[in-house]
Amino acid sequence: MESLGIREAALGDGYPPYNTLLILELRRIKDMPVVKVFYRDPHTSLLMDVTSSIRGCKGYVACPLELVLGCCPQYITSDREKECHSKKSKLR
């Protein structure tokens, strides 16, 4: 939620409660791939459209996939093995 920039729109200052649901919908509108994101509060079961809160998607009802994929480079690692514990990890 934080990486997409939608946490504050969905939760304010809080953290997601247990059993929180995010729905990422991939659609094609006029031959362009777009994304919609919905948040479901487990206490009310209501779906909230938080698409326009995605970084770089302000004002979009359905955000172009290209913008979503380019929204968060600071969260992309250059070394997946190091970040995700390689097969040789001593943690197992």
N, C-alpha and C. Protein backbone atom coordinates (compact mmCIF):
# COMPACT_ATOMS: atom_id res chain seq x y z
N MET A 1 0.83 -1.18 0.00
CA MET A 1 0.00 0.00 0.00
C MET A 1 0.87 1.25 0.00
N GLU A 2 1.91 1.20 0.80
CA GLU A 2 2.80 2.36 0.89
C GLU A 2 3.52 2.60 -0.42
N SER A 3 4.00 1.52 -1.04
CA SER A 3 4.77 1.69 -2.28
C SER A 3 3.92 2.28 -3.40
N LEU A 4 2.66 1.92 -3.46
CA LEU A 4 1.78 2.50 -4.49
C LEU A 4 1.28 3.89 -4.12
N GLY A 5 1.40 4.24 -2.84
CA GLY A 5 0.95 5.55 -2.40
C GLY A 5 -0.51 5.59 -1.98
N ILE A 6 -1.12 4.42 -1.75
CA ILE A 6 -2.56 4.37 -1.46
C ILE A 6 -2.88 4.18 0.02
N ARG A 7 -1.87 3.96 0.86
CA ARG A 7 -2.14 3.68 2.28
C ARG A 7 -2.91 4.81 2.95
N GLU A 8 -2.46 6.03 2.77
CA GLU A 8 -3.11 7.16 3.44
C GLU A 8 -4.55 7.34 2.97
N ALA A 9 -4.80 7.17 1.67
CA ALA A 9 -6.16 7.31 1.15
C ALA A 9 -7.09 6.25 1.73
N ALA A 10 -6.57 5.06 1.92
CA ALA A 10 -7.38 3.96 2.43
C ALA A 10 -7.49 3.94 3.95
N LEU A 11 -6.39 4.28 4.64
CA LEU A 11 -6.33 4.07 6.09
C LEU A 11 -6.08 5.32 6.92
N GLY A 12 -5.78 6.43 6.28
CA GLY A 12 -5.37 7.60 7.05
C GLY A 12 -3.98 7.36 7.59
N ASP A 13 -3.78 7.57 8.89
CA ASP A 13 -2.46 7.39 9.49
C ASP A 13 -2.22 5.97 10.01
N GLY A 14 -3.22 5.11 9.92
CA GLY A 14 -3.11 3.79 10.52
C GLY A 14 -2.42 2.76 9.65
N TYR A 15 -2.47 1.53 10.12
CA TYR A 15 -1.91 0.39 9.42
C TYR A 15 -3.06 -0.54 9.04
N PRO A 16 -2.88 -1.35 7.99
CA PRO A 16 -3.98 -2.24 7.58
C PRO A 16 -4.29 -3.29 8.64
N PRO A 17 -5.55 -3.45 8.97
CA PRO A 17 -5.92 -4.49 9.93
C PRO A 17 -5.83 -5.88 9.31
N TYR A 18 -5.85 -6.88 10.16
CA TYR A 18 -5.85 -8.27 9.71
C TYR A 18 -7.02 -8.48 8.76
N ASN A 19 -6.80 -9.24 7.70
CA ASN A 19 -7.82 -9.60 6.72
C ASN A 19 -8.18 -8.45 5.78
N THR A 20 -7.29 -7.49 5.62
CA THR A 20 -7.48 -6.42 4.66
C THR A 20 -7.34 -7.00 3.25
N LEU A 21 -8.12 -6.47 2.32
CA LEU A 21 -8.09 -6.96 0.95
C LEU A 21 -7.79 -5.82 0.00
N LEU A 22 -6.84 -6.03 -0.90
CA LEU A 22 -6.59 -5.11 -2.01
C LEU A 22 -6.92 -5.86 -3.29
N ILE A 23 -7.63 -5.22 -4.18
CA ILE A 23 -7.94 -5.80 -5.48
C ILE A 23 -7.28 -4.93 -6.53
N LEU A 24 -6.43 -5.53 -7.34
CA LEU A 24 -5.82 -4.84 -8.46
C LEU A 24 -6.44 -5.40 -9.73
N GLU A 25 -7.14 -4.55 -10.44
CA GLU A 25 -7.84 -4.95 -11.65
C GLU A 25 -7.07 -4.45 -12.86
N LEU A 26 -6.74 -5.34 -13.76
CA LEU A 26 -6.10 -4.95 -15.00
C LEU A 26 -7.14 -5.01 -16.10
N ARG A 27 -7.33 -3.90 -16.79
CA ARG A 27 -8.33 -3.79 -17.84
C ARG A 27 -7.68 -3.27 -19.11
N ARG A 28 -8.42 -3.34 -20.20
CA ARG A 28 -7.99 -2.74 -21.45
C ARG A 28 -9.11 -1.81 -21.89
N ILE A 29 -8.80 -0.52 -21.96
CA ILE A 29 -9.77 0.47 -22.40
C ILE A 29 -9.21 1.14 -23.65
N LYS A 30 -9.98 1.07 -24.73
CA LYS A 30 -9.55 1.63 -26.02
C LYS A 30 -8.14 1.16 -26.36
N ASP A 31 -7.91 -0.13 -26.21
CA ASP A 31 -6.65 -0.79 -26.54
C ASP A 31 -5.47 -0.34 -25.67
N MET A 32 -5.75 0.28 -24.52
CA MET A 32 -4.68 0.69 -23.61
C MET A 32 -4.87 -0.04 -22.27
N PRO A 33 -3.82 -0.71 -21.76
CA PRO A 33 -3.94 -1.38 -20.47
C PRO A 33 -4.00 -0.35 -19.34
N VAL A 34 -4.97 -0.53 -18.47
CA VAL A 34 -5.15 0.36 -17.32
C VAL A 34 -5.33 -0.48 -16.06
N VAL A 35 -5.14 0.17 -14.92
CA VAL A 35 -5.26 -0.50 -13.62
C VAL A 35 -6.26 0.25 -12.75
N LYS A 36 -7.05 -0.50 -12.01
CA LYS A 36 -7.90 0.06 -10.97
C LYS A 36 -7.53 -0.68 -9.68
N VAL A 37 -7.52 0.05 -8.57
CA VAL A 37 -7.19 -0.56 -7.28
C VAL A 37 -8.31 -0.25 -6.29
N PHE A 38 -8.75 -1.30 -5.60
CA PHE A 38 -9.80 -1.18 -4.60
C PHE A 38 -9.29 -1.69 -3.26
N TYR A 39 -9.74 -1.05 -2.19
CA TYR A 39 -9.41 -1.45 -0.83
C TYR A 39 -10.70 -1.86 -0.14
N ARG A 40 -10.66 -3.00 0.57
CA ARG A 40 -11.83 -3.43 1.34
C ARG A 40 -11.47 -3.42 2.81
N ASP A 41 -12.19 -2.63 3.55
CA ASP A 41 -12.03 -2.59 5.00
C ASP A 41 -12.70 -3.83 5.58
N PRO A 42 -11.96 -4.65 6.32
CA PRO A 42 -12.54 -5.89 6.84
C PRO A 42 -13.65 -5.67 7.86
N HIS A 43 -13.73 -4.47 8.43
CA HIS A 43 -14.76 -4.20 9.44
C HIS A 43 -16.10 -3.83 8.81
N THR A 44 -16.07 -3.25 7.61
CA THR A 44 -17.31 -2.82 6.97
C THR A 44 -17.61 -3.60 5.70
N SER A 45 -16.61 -4.25 5.11
CA SER A 45 -16.72 -4.99 3.85
C SER A 45 -17.03 -4.10 2.66
N LEU A 46 -16.92 -2.79 2.81
CA LEU A 46 -17.16 -1.88 1.69
C LEU A 46 -15.89 -1.74 0.86
N LEU A 47 -16.06 -1.73 -0.46
CA LEU A 47 -14.93 -1.51 -1.36
C LEU A 47 -14.76 -0.02 -1.60
N MET A 48 -13.52 0.44 -1.51
CA MET A 48 -13.21 1.84 -1.76
C MET A 48 -12.26 1.89 -2.96
N ASP A 49 -12.62 2.66 -3.98
CA ASP A 49 -11.76 2.83 -5.15
C ASP A 49 -10.64 3.81 -4.77
N VAL A 50 -9.40 3.34 -4.75
CA VAL A 50 -8.26 4.19 -4.39
C VAL A 50 -7.33 4.40 -5.58
N THR A 51 -7.83 4.15 -6.77
CA THR A 51 -7.03 4.26 -7.99
C THR A 51 -6.38 5.61 -8.14
N SER A 52 -7.12 6.68 -7.92
CA SER A 52 -6.57 8.02 -8.14
C SER A 52 -5.52 8.40 -7.09
N SER A 53 -5.32 7.56 -6.07
CA SER A 53 -4.30 7.81 -5.06
C SER A 53 -2.97 7.14 -5.38
N ILE A 54 -2.92 6.32 -6.43
CA ILE A 54 -1.65 5.70 -6.84
C ILE A 54 -0.70 6.82 -7.24
N ARG A 55 0.55 6.71 -6.85
CA ARG A 55 1.54 7.73 -7.21
C ARG A 55 1.51 7.98 -8.72
N GLY A 56 1.34 9.24 -9.10
CA GLY A 56 1.34 9.61 -10.51
C GLY A 56 0.02 9.42 -11.22
N CYS A 57 -1.02 8.98 -10.51
CA CYS A 57 -2.30 8.69 -11.14
C CYS A 57 -3.42 9.63 -10.69
N LYS A 58 -3.07 10.72 -10.04
CA LYS A 58 -4.08 11.65 -9.54
C LYS A 58 -4.98 12.10 -10.69
N GLY A 59 -6.27 12.02 -10.46
CA GLY A 59 -7.24 12.45 -11.46
C GLY A 59 -7.67 11.36 -12.43
N TYR A 60 -7.03 10.20 -12.38
CA TYR A 60 -7.42 9.10 -13.26
C TYR A 60 -8.46 8.22 -12.59
N VAL A 61 -9.50 7.87 -13.34
CA VAL A 61 -10.49 6.89 -12.87
C VAL A 61 -9.92 5.49 -13.05
N ALA A 62 -9.20 5.29 -14.15
CA ALA A 62 -8.46 4.06 -14.42
C ALA A 62 -7.07 4.51 -14.84
N CYS A 63 -6.05 4.11 -14.12
CA CYS A 63 -4.69 4.61 -14.33
C CYS A 63 -3.98 3.79 -15.41
N PRO A 64 -3.37 4.45 -16.37
CA PRO A 64 -2.61 3.71 -17.38
C PRO A 64 -1.53 2.84 -16.73
N LEU A 65 -1.45 1.60 -17.18
CA LEU A 65 -0.50 0.64 -16.61
C LEU A 65 0.92 1.20 -16.63
N GLU A 66 1.28 1.91 -17.66
CA GLU A 66 2.62 2.49 -17.78
C GLU A 66 2.94 3.40 -16.59
N LEU A 67 1.96 4.18 -16.15
CA LEU A 67 2.18 5.06 -14.99
C LEU A 67 2.32 4.26 -13.71
N VAL A 68 1.52 3.21 -13.57
CA VAL A 68 1.59 2.38 -12.36
C VAL A 68 2.96 1.70 -12.28
N LEU A 69 3.43 1.17 -13.39
CA LEU A 69 4.72 0.48 -13.39
C LEU A 69 5.88 1.43 -13.15
N GLY A 70 5.71 2.70 -13.47
CA GLY A 70 6.78 3.67 -13.28
C GLY A 70 6.65 4.49 -12.01
N CYS A 71 5.67 4.15 -11.17
CA CYS A 71 5.38 4.98 -10.00
C CYS A 71 6.38 4.86 -8.88
N CYS A 72 7.08 3.74 -8.80
CA CYS A 72 7.76 3.43 -7.55
C CYS A 72 9.17 2.87 -7.72
N PRO A 73 10.03 3.51 -8.47
CA PRO A 73 11.36 2.93 -8.69
C PRO A 73 12.17 2.77 -7.41
N GLN A 74 11.88 3.57 -6.39
CA GLN A 74 12.64 3.48 -5.14
C GLN A 74 12.37 2.17 -4.41
N TYR A 75 11.33 1.43 -4.81
CA TYR A 75 11.01 0.16 -4.16
C TYR A 75 11.49 -1.06 -4.96
N ILE A 76 12.18 -0.82 -6.07
CA ILE A 76 12.67 -1.92 -6.91
C ILE A 76 14.12 -2.19 -6.54
N THR A 77 14.42 -3.45 -6.30
CA THR A 77 15.77 -3.83 -5.92
C THR A 77 16.61 -4.16 -7.14
N SER A 78 17.87 -3.94 -7.05
CA SER A 78 18.78 -4.32 -8.13
C SER A 78 19.36 -5.71 -7.88
N ASP A 79 19.15 -6.24 -6.68
CA ASP A 79 19.69 -7.55 -6.32
C ASP A 79 18.63 -8.37 -5.60
N ARG A 80 17.80 -9.06 -6.37
CA ARG A 80 16.71 -9.86 -5.79
C ARG A 80 17.22 -10.94 -4.85
N GLU A 81 18.29 -11.60 -5.24
CA GLU A 81 18.83 -12.68 -4.40
C GLU A 81 19.21 -12.17 -3.01
N LYS A 82 19.87 -11.03 -2.97
CA LYS A 82 20.30 -10.47 -1.70
C LYS A 82 19.08 -10.05 -0.86
N GLU A 83 18.12 -9.39 -1.49
CA GLU A 83 16.94 -8.90 -0.78
C GLU A 83 16.02 -10.03 -0.33
N CYS A 84 15.94 -11.09 -1.11
CA CYS A 84 14.97 -12.16 -0.83
C CYS A 84 15.62 -13.43 -0.31
N HIS A 85 16.83 -13.34 0.17
CA HIS A 85 17.56 -14.48 0.74
C HIS A 85 17.77 -15.56 -0.31
N SER A 86 18.95 -15.66 -0.79
CA SER A 86 19.28 -16.65 -1.81
C SER A 86 19.04 -18.06 -1.28
N LYS A 87 19.11 -19.02 -2.17
CA LYS A 87 18.89 -20.42 -1.80
C LYS A 87 19.88 -20.90 -0.75
N LYS A 88 21.03 -20.24 -0.64
CA LYS A 88 22.05 -20.63 0.32
C LYS A 88 21.84 -19.99 1.69
N SER A 89 20.69 -19.43 1.90
CA SER A 89 20.42 -18.73 3.15
C SER A 89 20.56 -19.66 4.35
N LYS A 90 21.12 -19.14 5.42
CA LYS A 90 21.29 -19.92 6.66
C LYS A 90 20.05 -19.83 7.55
N LEU A 91 19.03 -19.13 7.08
CA LEU A 91 17.81 -18.96 7.88
C LEU A 91 16.93 -20.19 7.86
N ARG A 92 17.19 -21.11 6.98
CA ARG A 92 16.33 -22.29 6.87
C ARG A 92 16.79 -23.42 7.71
